[in-house]
């Protein structure tokens, strides 16, 4: 499907750490900590982190922001030759955007059993009914990616519980 070596764990971990940095920035801003980078020829061409809360826009997912940034930087609507690295399996919207952008591959950290669009709930990337298929690998730095997410929600629940106690 693509010339990408999906088994090159060492290389994928380097870029997933960059996506994790974006997720950390999202968490500090009070956003769900999901981060993303898009890479072409070993260079980051797009970055994104969730901005749904600050932008009051349900489409401001990390992947959507990174796809827009990469397309702008490359001056192209197709992101052929690019790989998207994201800390959590993309939802159906973001997986669909990956297909429409003609990305070569998506590499994810943690899976999303509730809204995953790359195999956990739906499999948009490998759909026979779409005009492009995107290679997929998950589990890169899975523990670290899952930890930042679970820690964020644990703190959020604790804050809500504290607020209820104060009332």
N, C-alpha and C. Protein backbone atom coordinates (compact mmCIF):
# COMPACT_ATOMS: atom_id res chain seq x y z
N UNK A 1 0.83 -1.20 0.00
CA UNK A 1 0.00 0.00 0.00
C UNK A 1 0.87 1.25 0.00
N UNK A 2 1.86 1.34 0.87
CA UNK A 2 2.74 2.50 0.88
C UNK A 2 4.14 2.04 1.20
N UNK A 3 5.12 2.90 0.95
CA UNK A 3 6.50 2.55 1.18
C UNK A 3 6.92 2.67 2.64
N UNK A 4 6.00 3.02 3.53
CA UNK A 4 6.30 3.22 4.94
C UNK A 4 6.55 1.89 5.64
N UNK A 5 7.60 1.86 6.42
CA UNK A 5 7.89 0.68 7.24
C UNK A 5 7.13 0.81 8.55
N UNK A 6 5.95 0.20 8.61
CA UNK A 6 5.13 0.31 9.82
C UNK A 6 5.72 -0.44 11.00
N UNK A 7 6.74 -1.24 10.76
CA UNK A 7 7.35 -2.00 11.85
C UNK A 7 8.54 -1.28 12.48
N UNK A 8 8.97 -0.16 11.95
CA UNK A 8 10.13 0.57 12.45
C UNK A 8 9.76 1.31 13.74
N UNK A 9 9.68 0.56 14.83
CA UNK A 9 9.21 1.10 16.11
C UNK A 9 10.04 2.26 16.60
N UNK A 10 11.34 2.18 16.47
CA UNK A 10 12.21 3.25 16.98
C UNK A 10 11.88 4.59 16.34
N UNK A 11 11.74 4.60 15.02
CA UNK A 11 11.40 5.84 14.31
C UNK A 11 10.02 6.33 14.73
N UNK A 12 9.07 5.43 14.83
CA UNK A 12 7.71 5.82 15.20
C UNK A 12 7.67 6.40 16.61
N UNK A 13 8.47 5.87 17.51
CA UNK A 13 8.48 6.38 18.88
C UNK A 13 8.99 7.83 18.93
N UNK A 14 9.95 8.17 18.10
CA UNK A 14 10.47 9.54 18.06
C UNK A 14 9.34 10.51 17.71
N UNK A 15 8.58 10.19 16.68
CA UNK A 15 7.51 11.09 16.27
C UNK A 15 6.32 11.06 17.22
N UNK A 16 6.07 9.89 17.84
CA UNK A 16 4.98 9.82 18.81
C UNK A 16 5.31 10.67 20.04
N UNK A 17 6.57 10.76 20.41
CA UNK A 17 6.95 11.64 21.53
C UNK A 17 6.65 13.10 21.20
N UNK A 18 6.80 13.48 19.95
CA UNK A 18 6.44 14.84 19.54
C UNK A 18 4.93 15.04 19.64
N UNK A 19 4.16 14.03 19.27
CA UNK A 19 2.70 14.09 19.41
C UNK A 19 2.32 14.17 20.89
N UNK A 20 3.03 13.45 21.73
CA UNK A 20 2.77 13.52 23.18
C UNK A 20 3.03 14.91 23.73
N UNK A 21 4.03 15.61 23.22
CA UNK A 21 4.28 17.00 23.64
C UNK A 21 3.09 17.88 23.31
N UNK A 22 2.51 17.66 22.14
CA UNK A 22 1.32 18.42 21.76
C UNK A 22 0.16 18.09 22.69
N UNK A 23 0.03 16.83 23.07
CA UNK A 23 -1.02 16.42 24.00
C UNK A 23 -0.83 17.08 25.36
N UNK A 24 0.41 17.19 25.81
CA UNK A 24 0.69 17.86 27.08
C UNK A 24 0.28 19.33 27.03
N UNK A 25 0.55 19.97 25.91
CA UNK A 25 0.14 21.38 25.73
C UNK A 25 -1.38 21.49 25.79
N UNK A 26 -2.07 20.54 25.18
CA UNK A 26 -3.53 20.55 25.20
C UNK A 26 -4.03 20.41 26.64
N UNK A 27 -3.45 19.50 27.39
CA UNK A 27 -3.87 19.29 28.79
C UNK A 27 -3.67 20.56 29.61
N UNK A 28 -2.53 21.21 29.44
CA UNK A 28 -2.27 22.45 30.18
C UNK A 28 -3.28 23.53 29.84
N UNK A 29 -3.83 23.48 28.65
CA UNK A 29 -4.83 24.46 28.21
C UNK A 29 -6.25 24.04 28.59
N UNK A 30 -6.38 22.90 29.29
CA UNK A 30 -7.70 22.42 29.69
C UNK A 30 -8.44 21.65 28.62
N UNK A 31 -7.73 21.25 27.60
CA UNK A 31 -8.32 20.47 26.51
C UNK A 31 -8.06 18.98 26.75
N UNK A 32 -8.88 18.13 26.15
CA UNK A 32 -8.60 16.69 26.19
C UNK A 32 -7.23 16.49 25.55
N UNK A 33 -6.32 15.84 26.26
CA UNK A 33 -4.92 15.77 25.80
C UNK A 33 -4.66 14.79 24.66
N UNK A 34 -4.97 15.24 23.47
CA UNK A 34 -4.64 14.47 22.27
C UNK A 34 -3.76 15.36 21.41
N UNK A 35 -2.64 14.79 20.97
CA UNK A 35 -1.69 15.54 20.16
C UNK A 35 -1.37 14.79 18.88
N UNK A 36 -0.89 15.53 17.89
CA UNK A 36 -0.67 14.96 16.57
C UNK A 36 0.45 15.69 15.86
N UNK A 37 1.24 14.95 15.09
CA UNK A 37 2.19 15.54 14.16
C UNK A 37 2.06 14.79 12.84
N UNK A 38 2.34 15.50 11.75
CA UNK A 38 2.37 14.88 10.44
C UNK A 38 3.78 15.02 9.92
N UNK A 39 4.31 13.91 9.40
CA UNK A 39 5.71 13.83 8.99
C UNK A 39 5.80 13.46 7.52
N UNK A 40 6.73 14.12 6.84
CA UNK A 40 7.04 13.80 5.45
C UNK A 40 8.55 13.84 5.29
N UNK A 41 9.12 12.79 4.76
CA UNK A 41 10.57 12.70 4.55
C UNK A 41 11.35 12.98 5.83
N UNK A 42 10.84 12.49 6.95
CA UNK A 42 11.54 12.63 8.23
C UNK A 42 11.40 13.98 8.89
N UNK A 43 10.59 14.88 8.34
CA UNK A 43 10.42 16.22 8.89
C UNK A 43 8.95 16.46 9.24
N UNK A 44 8.74 17.13 10.36
CA UNK A 44 7.38 17.48 10.77
C UNK A 44 6.87 18.61 9.86
N UNK A 45 5.73 18.38 9.23
CA UNK A 45 5.14 19.38 8.35
C UNK A 45 3.81 19.92 8.88
N UNK A 46 3.32 19.32 9.96
CA UNK A 46 2.08 19.79 10.57
C UNK A 46 2.00 19.33 12.01
N UNK A 47 1.45 20.18 12.85
CA UNK A 47 1.25 19.86 14.27
C UNK A 47 -0.17 20.23 14.66
N UNK A 48 -0.70 19.51 15.64
CA UNK A 48 -2.01 19.87 16.14
C UNK A 48 -2.24 19.29 17.52
N UNK A 49 -3.10 19.96 18.25
CA UNK A 49 -3.56 19.46 19.54
C UNK A 49 -5.01 19.87 19.68
N UNK A 50 -5.76 19.14 20.46
CA UNK A 50 -7.17 19.47 20.62
C UNK A 50 -7.36 20.91 21.04
N UNK A 51 -8.31 21.57 20.41
CA UNK A 51 -8.67 22.96 20.76
C UNK A 51 -10.19 23.13 20.75
N UNK A 52 -10.88 22.05 21.02
CA UNK A 52 -12.34 22.04 20.96
C UNK A 52 -12.94 23.03 21.96
N UNK A 53 -12.44 23.00 23.19
CA UNK A 53 -12.98 23.87 24.24
C UNK A 53 -12.64 25.33 23.97
N UNK A 54 -11.38 25.63 23.71
CA UNK A 54 -10.97 27.02 23.51
C UNK A 54 -11.56 27.60 22.23
N UNK A 55 -11.73 26.79 21.22
CA UNK A 55 -12.29 27.26 19.95
C UNK A 55 -13.79 27.15 19.86
N UNK A 56 -14.40 26.45 20.85
CA UNK A 56 -15.84 26.20 20.82
C UNK A 56 -16.27 25.68 19.45
N UNK A 57 -15.49 24.66 19.00
CA UNK A 57 -15.72 24.10 17.67
C UNK A 57 -15.47 22.58 17.75
N UNK A 58 -16.49 21.77 17.51
CA UNK A 58 -16.34 20.32 17.64
C UNK A 58 -15.41 19.69 16.61
N UNK A 59 -15.00 20.44 15.59
CA UNK A 59 -14.09 19.88 14.59
C UNK A 59 -12.63 20.18 14.88
N UNK A 60 -12.33 20.88 15.94
CA UNK A 60 -10.94 21.25 16.23
C UNK A 60 -10.20 20.12 16.95
N UNK A 61 -10.24 18.95 16.34
CA UNK A 61 -9.47 17.80 16.84
C UNK A 61 -8.01 17.99 16.43
N UNK A 62 -7.11 17.37 17.17
CA UNK A 62 -5.68 17.47 16.89
C UNK A 62 -5.36 17.11 15.45
N UNK A 63 -5.97 16.02 14.96
CA UNK A 63 -5.68 15.55 13.61
C UNK A 63 -6.13 16.55 12.55
N UNK A 64 -7.31 17.13 12.75
CA UNK A 64 -7.84 18.09 11.78
C UNK A 64 -6.94 19.33 11.69
N UNK A 65 -6.48 19.79 12.84
CA UNK A 65 -5.60 20.96 12.88
C UNK A 65 -4.27 20.64 12.20
N UNK A 66 -3.72 19.46 12.48
CA UNK A 66 -2.44 19.06 11.88
C UNK A 66 -2.57 18.87 10.37
N UNK A 67 -3.68 18.30 9.91
CA UNK A 67 -3.90 18.12 8.47
C UNK A 67 -3.96 19.48 7.78
N UNK A 68 -4.70 20.40 8.36
CA UNK A 68 -4.79 21.75 7.77
C UNK A 68 -3.41 22.41 7.72
N UNK A 69 -2.65 22.28 8.82
CA UNK A 69 -1.32 22.90 8.88
C UNK A 69 -0.38 22.29 7.84
N UNK A 70 -0.42 20.97 7.69
CA UNK A 70 0.45 20.30 6.72
C UNK A 70 0.08 20.70 5.30
N UNK A 71 -1.21 20.74 4.99
CA UNK A 71 -1.65 21.11 3.64
C UNK A 71 -1.21 22.54 3.32
N UNK A 72 -1.34 23.41 4.29
CA UNK A 72 -0.93 24.81 4.08
C UNK A 72 0.58 24.90 3.87
N UNK A 73 1.33 24.22 4.73
CA UNK A 73 2.80 24.28 4.64
C UNK A 73 3.30 23.70 3.32
N UNK A 74 2.70 22.59 2.90
CA UNK A 74 3.14 21.94 1.66
C UNK A 74 2.51 22.57 0.42
N UNK A 75 1.50 23.40 0.62
CA UNK A 75 0.83 24.01 -0.51
C UNK A 75 0.12 22.99 -1.38
N UNK A 76 -0.46 21.99 -0.73
CA UNK A 76 -1.10 20.90 -1.49
C UNK A 76 -2.32 20.38 -0.74
N UNK A 77 -3.33 20.00 -1.48
CA UNK A 77 -4.51 19.43 -0.83
C UNK A 77 -4.32 17.95 -0.51
N UNK A 78 -3.42 17.28 -1.23
CA UNK A 78 -3.14 15.87 -0.95
C UNK A 78 -1.86 15.77 -0.14
N UNK A 79 -1.88 14.96 0.89
CA UNK A 79 -0.71 14.77 1.75
C UNK A 79 -0.04 13.43 1.44
N UNK A 80 0.16 13.19 0.16
CA UNK A 80 0.81 11.97 -0.30
C UNK A 80 2.25 11.97 0.21
N UNK A 81 2.68 10.82 0.73
CA UNK A 81 4.03 10.72 1.28
C UNK A 81 4.11 11.11 2.75
N UNK A 82 2.97 11.41 3.35
CA UNK A 82 2.94 11.85 4.75
C UNK A 82 2.36 10.77 5.67
N UNK A 83 2.84 10.80 6.91
CA UNK A 83 2.34 9.93 7.96
C UNK A 83 1.85 10.78 9.11
N UNK A 84 0.67 10.47 9.60
CA UNK A 84 0.08 11.16 10.74
C UNK A 84 0.33 10.35 11.99
N UNK A 85 0.92 10.98 13.01
CA UNK A 85 1.15 10.35 14.32
C UNK A 85 0.22 11.01 15.31
N UNK A 86 -0.58 10.21 16.02
CA UNK A 86 -1.54 10.76 16.97
C UNK A 86 -1.58 9.89 18.21
N UNK A 87 -1.77 10.54 19.36
CA UNK A 87 -1.67 9.83 20.63
C UNK A 87 -2.83 8.88 20.88
N UNK A 88 -3.97 9.12 20.24
CA UNK A 88 -5.15 8.25 20.41
C UNK A 88 -5.75 7.97 19.03
N UNK A 89 -6.20 6.76 18.84
CA UNK A 89 -6.83 6.36 17.59
C UNK A 89 -7.83 7.41 17.12
N UNK A 90 -7.72 7.85 15.88
CA UNK A 90 -8.64 8.86 15.35
C UNK A 90 -10.10 8.40 15.35
N UNK A 91 -10.98 9.38 15.56
CA UNK A 91 -12.41 9.13 15.45
C UNK A 91 -12.77 8.99 13.96
N UNK A 92 -14.03 8.73 13.68
CA UNK A 92 -14.47 8.57 12.29
C UNK A 92 -14.25 9.83 11.47
N UNK A 93 -14.48 11.01 12.07
CA UNK A 93 -14.27 12.26 11.33
C UNK A 93 -12.81 12.41 10.93
N UNK A 94 -11.91 12.17 11.86
CA UNK A 94 -10.49 12.36 11.59
C UNK A 94 -9.94 11.27 10.68
N UNK A 95 -10.44 10.05 10.82
CA UNK A 95 -10.04 8.97 9.92
C UNK A 95 -10.51 9.29 8.50
N UNK A 96 -11.71 9.83 8.38
CA UNK A 96 -12.22 10.23 7.07
C UNK A 96 -11.37 11.33 6.45
N UNK A 97 -10.94 12.28 7.28
CA UNK A 97 -10.07 13.35 6.80
C UNK A 97 -8.73 12.79 6.34
N UNK A 98 -8.22 11.78 7.04
CA UNK A 98 -6.96 11.15 6.64
C UNK A 98 -7.09 10.51 5.26
N UNK A 99 -8.22 9.88 5.01
CA UNK A 99 -8.47 9.27 3.70
C UNK A 99 -8.58 10.36 2.64
N UNK A 100 -9.37 11.39 2.91
CA UNK A 100 -9.56 12.46 1.93
C UNK A 100 -8.28 13.23 1.65
N UNK A 101 -7.38 13.30 2.64
CA UNK A 101 -6.10 13.99 2.46
C UNK A 101 -5.08 13.11 1.75
N UNK A 102 -5.42 11.86 1.52
CA UNK A 102 -4.54 10.89 0.86
C UNK A 102 -3.25 10.63 1.65
N UNK A 103 -3.36 10.64 2.98
CA UNK A 103 -2.20 10.29 3.80
C UNK A 103 -1.76 8.87 3.48
N UNK A 104 -0.46 8.61 3.59
CA UNK A 104 0.04 7.25 3.39
C UNK A 104 -0.30 6.36 4.58
N UNK A 105 -0.16 6.92 5.80
CA UNK A 105 -0.35 6.09 6.98
C UNK A 105 -0.75 6.93 8.18
N UNK A 106 -1.37 6.24 9.14
CA UNK A 106 -1.68 6.78 10.46
C UNK A 106 -1.05 5.85 11.48
N UNK A 107 -0.33 6.44 12.42
CA UNK A 107 0.27 5.69 13.52
C UNK A 107 -0.30 6.26 14.81
N UNK A 108 -0.94 5.40 15.60
CA UNK A 108 -1.61 5.84 16.82
C UNK A 108 -0.96 5.23 18.05
N UNK A 109 -1.15 5.89 19.16
CA UNK A 109 -0.68 5.39 20.45
C UNK A 109 -1.73 4.46 21.02
N UNK A 110 -2.66 5.03 21.80
CA UNK A 110 -3.71 4.25 22.46
C UNK A 110 -4.90 4.05 21.52
N UNK A 111 -5.61 2.97 21.71
CA UNK A 111 -6.82 2.72 20.95
C UNK A 111 -7.99 3.44 21.63
N UNK A 112 -9.06 3.64 20.89
CA UNK A 112 -10.25 4.29 21.42
C UNK A 112 -11.45 3.37 21.23
N UNK A 113 -11.78 2.64 22.28
CA UNK A 113 -12.88 1.69 22.21
C UNK A 113 -14.25 2.34 22.12
N UNK A 114 -14.32 3.66 22.35
CA UNK A 114 -15.61 4.34 22.31
C UNK A 114 -15.86 5.03 20.97
N UNK A 115 -14.80 5.55 20.35
CA UNK A 115 -15.04 6.32 19.12
C UNK A 115 -14.00 6.08 18.04
N UNK A 116 -13.23 5.03 18.16
CA UNK A 116 -12.16 4.77 17.19
C UNK A 116 -12.66 4.51 15.79
N UNK A 117 -12.08 5.24 14.84
CA UNK A 117 -12.47 5.09 13.45
C UNK A 117 -11.46 4.32 12.61
N UNK A 118 -10.52 3.65 13.30
CA UNK A 118 -9.45 2.93 12.58
C UNK A 118 -9.42 1.45 12.93
N UNK A 119 -10.55 0.93 13.39
CA UNK A 119 -10.62 -0.49 13.67
C UNK A 119 -11.28 -0.85 14.99
N UNK A 120 -11.19 0.02 15.98
CA UNK A 120 -11.79 -0.31 17.28
C UNK A 120 -13.31 -0.32 17.23
N UNK A 121 -13.90 0.70 16.60
CA UNK A 121 -15.35 0.78 16.47
C UNK A 121 -15.74 0.68 15.00
N UNK A 122 -15.11 1.47 14.17
CA UNK A 122 -15.29 1.45 12.71
C UNK A 122 -13.91 1.34 12.09
N UNK A 123 -13.86 0.99 10.81
CA UNK A 123 -12.58 0.96 10.11
C UNK A 123 -12.69 1.78 8.83
N UNK A 124 -12.54 3.07 9.00
CA UNK A 124 -12.66 4.00 7.88
C UNK A 124 -11.43 3.90 6.96
N UNK A 125 -10.26 3.72 7.55
CA UNK A 125 -9.01 3.76 6.78
C UNK A 125 -8.89 2.65 5.75
N UNK A 126 -9.57 1.54 5.97
CA UNK A 126 -9.45 0.40 5.06
C UNK A 126 -10.81 0.03 4.45
N UNK A 127 -11.66 1.02 4.30
CA UNK A 127 -13.01 0.77 3.78
C UNK A 127 -12.98 0.54 2.27
N UNK A 128 -13.65 -0.52 1.83
CA UNK A 128 -13.78 -0.83 0.40
C UNK A 128 -14.59 0.23 -0.34
N UNK A 129 -15.42 0.94 0.38
CA UNK A 129 -16.32 1.90 -0.28
C UNK A 129 -15.68 3.27 -0.50
N UNK A 130 -14.46 3.48 -0.01
CA UNK A 130 -13.79 4.77 -0.19
C UNK A 130 -12.72 4.65 -1.28
N UNK A 131 -12.32 5.80 -1.82
CA UNK A 131 -11.41 5.80 -2.96
C UNK A 131 -9.93 5.72 -2.60
N UNK A 132 -9.58 5.70 -1.34
CA UNK A 132 -8.18 5.64 -0.91
C UNK A 132 -8.11 4.85 0.38
N UNK A 133 -7.05 4.12 0.55
CA UNK A 133 -6.83 3.39 1.80
C UNK A 133 -5.57 3.92 2.46
N UNK A 134 -5.59 3.94 3.78
CA UNK A 134 -4.49 4.46 4.58
C UNK A 134 -3.96 3.33 5.45
N UNK A 135 -2.66 3.09 5.41
CA UNK A 135 -2.05 2.08 6.28
C UNK A 135 -2.20 2.53 7.73
N UNK A 136 -2.27 1.57 8.64
CA UNK A 136 -2.52 1.90 10.05
C UNK A 136 -1.70 1.01 10.97
N UNK A 137 -1.20 1.63 12.02
CA UNK A 137 -0.54 0.91 13.10
C UNK A 137 -0.92 1.58 14.41
N UNK A 138 -1.20 0.78 15.41
CA UNK A 138 -1.50 1.35 16.74
C UNK A 138 -0.58 0.72 17.77
N UNK A 139 -0.59 1.29 18.96
CA UNK A 139 0.17 0.74 20.07
C UNK A 139 1.56 1.34 20.26
N UNK A 140 1.92 2.37 19.49
CA UNK A 140 3.23 3.00 19.65
C UNK A 140 3.18 3.89 20.89
N UNK A 141 4.02 3.58 21.87
CA UNK A 141 4.01 4.27 23.17
C UNK A 141 2.61 4.27 23.79
N UNK A 142 1.95 3.16 23.62
CA UNK A 142 0.56 3.00 24.07
C UNK A 142 0.37 3.37 25.54
N UNK A 143 1.25 2.91 26.39
CA UNK A 143 1.13 3.18 27.83
C UNK A 143 1.21 4.66 28.14
N UNK A 144 2.17 5.34 27.56
CA UNK A 144 2.32 6.78 27.80
C UNK A 144 1.14 7.56 27.25
N UNK A 145 0.68 7.17 26.09
CA UNK A 145 -0.45 7.85 25.47
C UNK A 145 -1.73 7.65 26.28
N UNK A 146 -1.95 6.45 26.76
CA UNK A 146 -3.13 6.17 27.57
C UNK A 146 -3.04 6.86 28.92
N UNK A 147 -1.84 6.93 29.49
CA UNK A 147 -1.65 7.53 30.81
C UNK A 147 -1.99 9.01 30.83
N UNK A 148 -1.55 9.75 29.82
CA UNK A 148 -1.85 11.19 29.81
C UNK A 148 -3.35 11.43 29.72
N UNK A 149 -4.04 10.57 28.98
CA UNK A 149 -5.48 10.70 28.83
C UNK A 149 -6.21 10.31 30.12
N UNK A 150 -5.85 9.18 30.69
CA UNK A 150 -6.53 8.73 31.92
C UNK A 150 -6.23 9.68 33.08
N UNK A 151 -5.01 10.21 33.14
CA UNK A 151 -4.67 11.17 34.19
C UNK A 151 -5.50 12.44 34.08
N UNK A 152 -5.70 12.92 32.87
CA UNK A 152 -6.49 14.12 32.64
C UNK A 152 -7.92 13.91 33.13
N UNK A 153 -8.53 12.79 32.76
CA UNK A 153 -9.91 12.54 33.15
C UNK A 153 -10.03 12.25 34.65
N UNK A 154 -9.02 11.64 35.24
CA UNK A 154 -9.02 11.41 36.69
C UNK A 154 -9.03 12.76 37.42
N UNK A 155 -8.19 13.69 36.98
CA UNK A 155 -8.15 15.03 37.59
C UNK A 155 -9.46 15.77 37.37
N UNK A 156 -10.03 15.63 36.20
CA UNK A 156 -11.31 16.29 35.90
C UNK A 156 -12.41 15.77 36.82
N UNK A 157 -12.46 14.45 37.02
CA UNK A 157 -13.47 13.87 37.91
C UNK A 157 -13.25 14.34 39.35
N UNK A 158 -11.98 14.41 39.77
CA UNK A 158 -11.67 14.86 41.13
C UNK A 158 -12.10 16.31 41.33
N UNK A 159 -11.88 17.15 40.34
CA UNK A 159 -12.29 18.56 40.42
C UNK A 159 -13.81 18.68 40.53
N UNK A 160 -14.52 17.89 39.73
CA UNK A 160 -15.99 17.93 39.77
C UNK A 160 -16.50 17.45 41.12
N UNK A 161 -15.87 16.41 41.65
CA UNK A 161 -16.28 15.89 42.95
C UNK A 161 -16.03 16.93 44.04
N UNK A 162 -14.91 17.62 43.95
CA UNK A 162 -14.57 18.66 44.93
C UNK A 162 -15.58 19.82 44.85
N UNK A 163 -15.97 20.18 43.65
CA UNK A 163 -16.95 21.25 43.47
C UNK A 163 -18.30 20.87 44.06
N UNK A 164 -18.69 19.61 43.89
CA UNK A 164 -19.96 19.14 44.44
C UNK A 164 -19.92 19.13 45.97
N UNK A 165 -18.75 18.81 46.53
CA UNK A 165 -18.58 18.79 47.98
C UNK A 165 -18.68 20.20 48.55
N UNK A 166 -18.15 21.17 47.82
CA UNK A 166 -18.15 22.56 48.27
C UNK A 166 -19.55 23.18 48.24
N UNK A 167 -20.45 22.62 47.45
CA UNK A 167 -21.79 23.19 47.30
C UNK A 167 -22.65 22.89 48.44
